[in-house]
Each structure stands twice: as C-alpha cells, then as structure tokens.
Amino acid sequence: MFKTLVLLGVTTCAGWAGTVTFTLSATASGILGGTPFSNSLMTITVLADTSTPSDPFSSTIAVGALSASFNTESPTVFFNPSCGDFAGNPPCAGFEINAGDLLDIPSASLAGYVLGTPIGPINAASLTGNPALLGTVYDTDGGGSMTLSALSNGTFTASVGGSSVPEPAALALVGCGLSVLGLLQRRKQR
C-alpha cells in the first residue's frame, strides 16, 4: 500500500513539469492597439501545461513592433478533427478568445494530432474558411483591441519542453518532492 502511494505521488508530481509552446503565425492585415498593419507577419505564442493544453497560462500576439496579451480574455488553443468552415472539412488547430476563433490553421497533416504534443510546422495557405471571423474586435489585457481584416499563409507549431516551467508549477514540484520525502521518512520511523 505504502509503495503504491509513493509511486502515485511521484508520477503525479512528475506530470506537472511539462510546458507546451504553441506558435501560430500568419500574414495578416488589421488594427492592433489602434495601429493599422497590412500584410504583416502576425505571431501568436501560447504557453500551457501539457496536462491542460487548451487552458493556457500565457498568450501574446506580436505584429512587427506591436504586441499585446490576451490572458484575461479566456484564451484557448484548440484542435478540431473536422473543421466544417473549410472545404473538405480538414482537421484544424487554432486560437480563440472568449469562444471566438481568432486564427484557424486547417491541414490534413493534423489528422490524428493530440493537443499538447509536439508537431509542426504545419502550413496552410487559406485561412479564411469562416469570413465572419474577419472584422471581429478582440479585447487585449492592456485595454486595447485587435481587429483582423485579412489572413493568409498560416503556420501551426507545438513544442514541448520542461525547461520553461512557470514558477507556480516549479513550486508545486518542490512541494510534491518534499511530500514524497516526508512519506518516506515517516515510513522509516515506523
């Protein structure tokens, strides 16, 4: 029984260590923070724990020297095995804010993908399967907003690494380790 508890504690603690970085980029036109941009590289970088990849703890968007974050606007990374907005219903990965898609990357190369695992880069030329997404105003953390008027040439990449563990997760790992050591010490004392 004791060995089972220690093993469970160690495997549970070890599961908190992974960080997945999602990078979505596209050629875009629109307005960010009141500054218009046209046919510029837009990059969305999202960090999440591998155990809850659709619930990021950090999300930023950059267009040239412009940048903004969307951490208070319910950002979500998603994978959909069949995107009905695109011809042929290919699988797609994307980023949404407040349940509204900001960027979808449709590609047959995403077939069988599991969100939170490494993949990519996956490229897609057409990103306008749902024209209703264009013109939507998305609020940023700093009180500004972003509106897209055109999207093309998208890329989706997911990489997993344990080196960029956020501070709360690092502290949780230390706490788990100390708990396991405490259980071992208690066992020795009996």
Foldseek 3Di string as FASTA:
>chain_A
DLVVVLVVLVVVLVQLQKKKKKKKWWQFWWDWQNRTDHRFIKIKIFIPRLVCLQQTQWIKIDTPPDIFTARPQRKTWDWACFDPLDPPRHIWIAMDGNPQTQWIAGDNVCHPPDRSAWDDFDKFFDTVSDVVNAQDWAATPVRGIIGTHDTGIMTITMDMDRPCNDPVSVVSSVVSVVVSVVSVVVVVVD
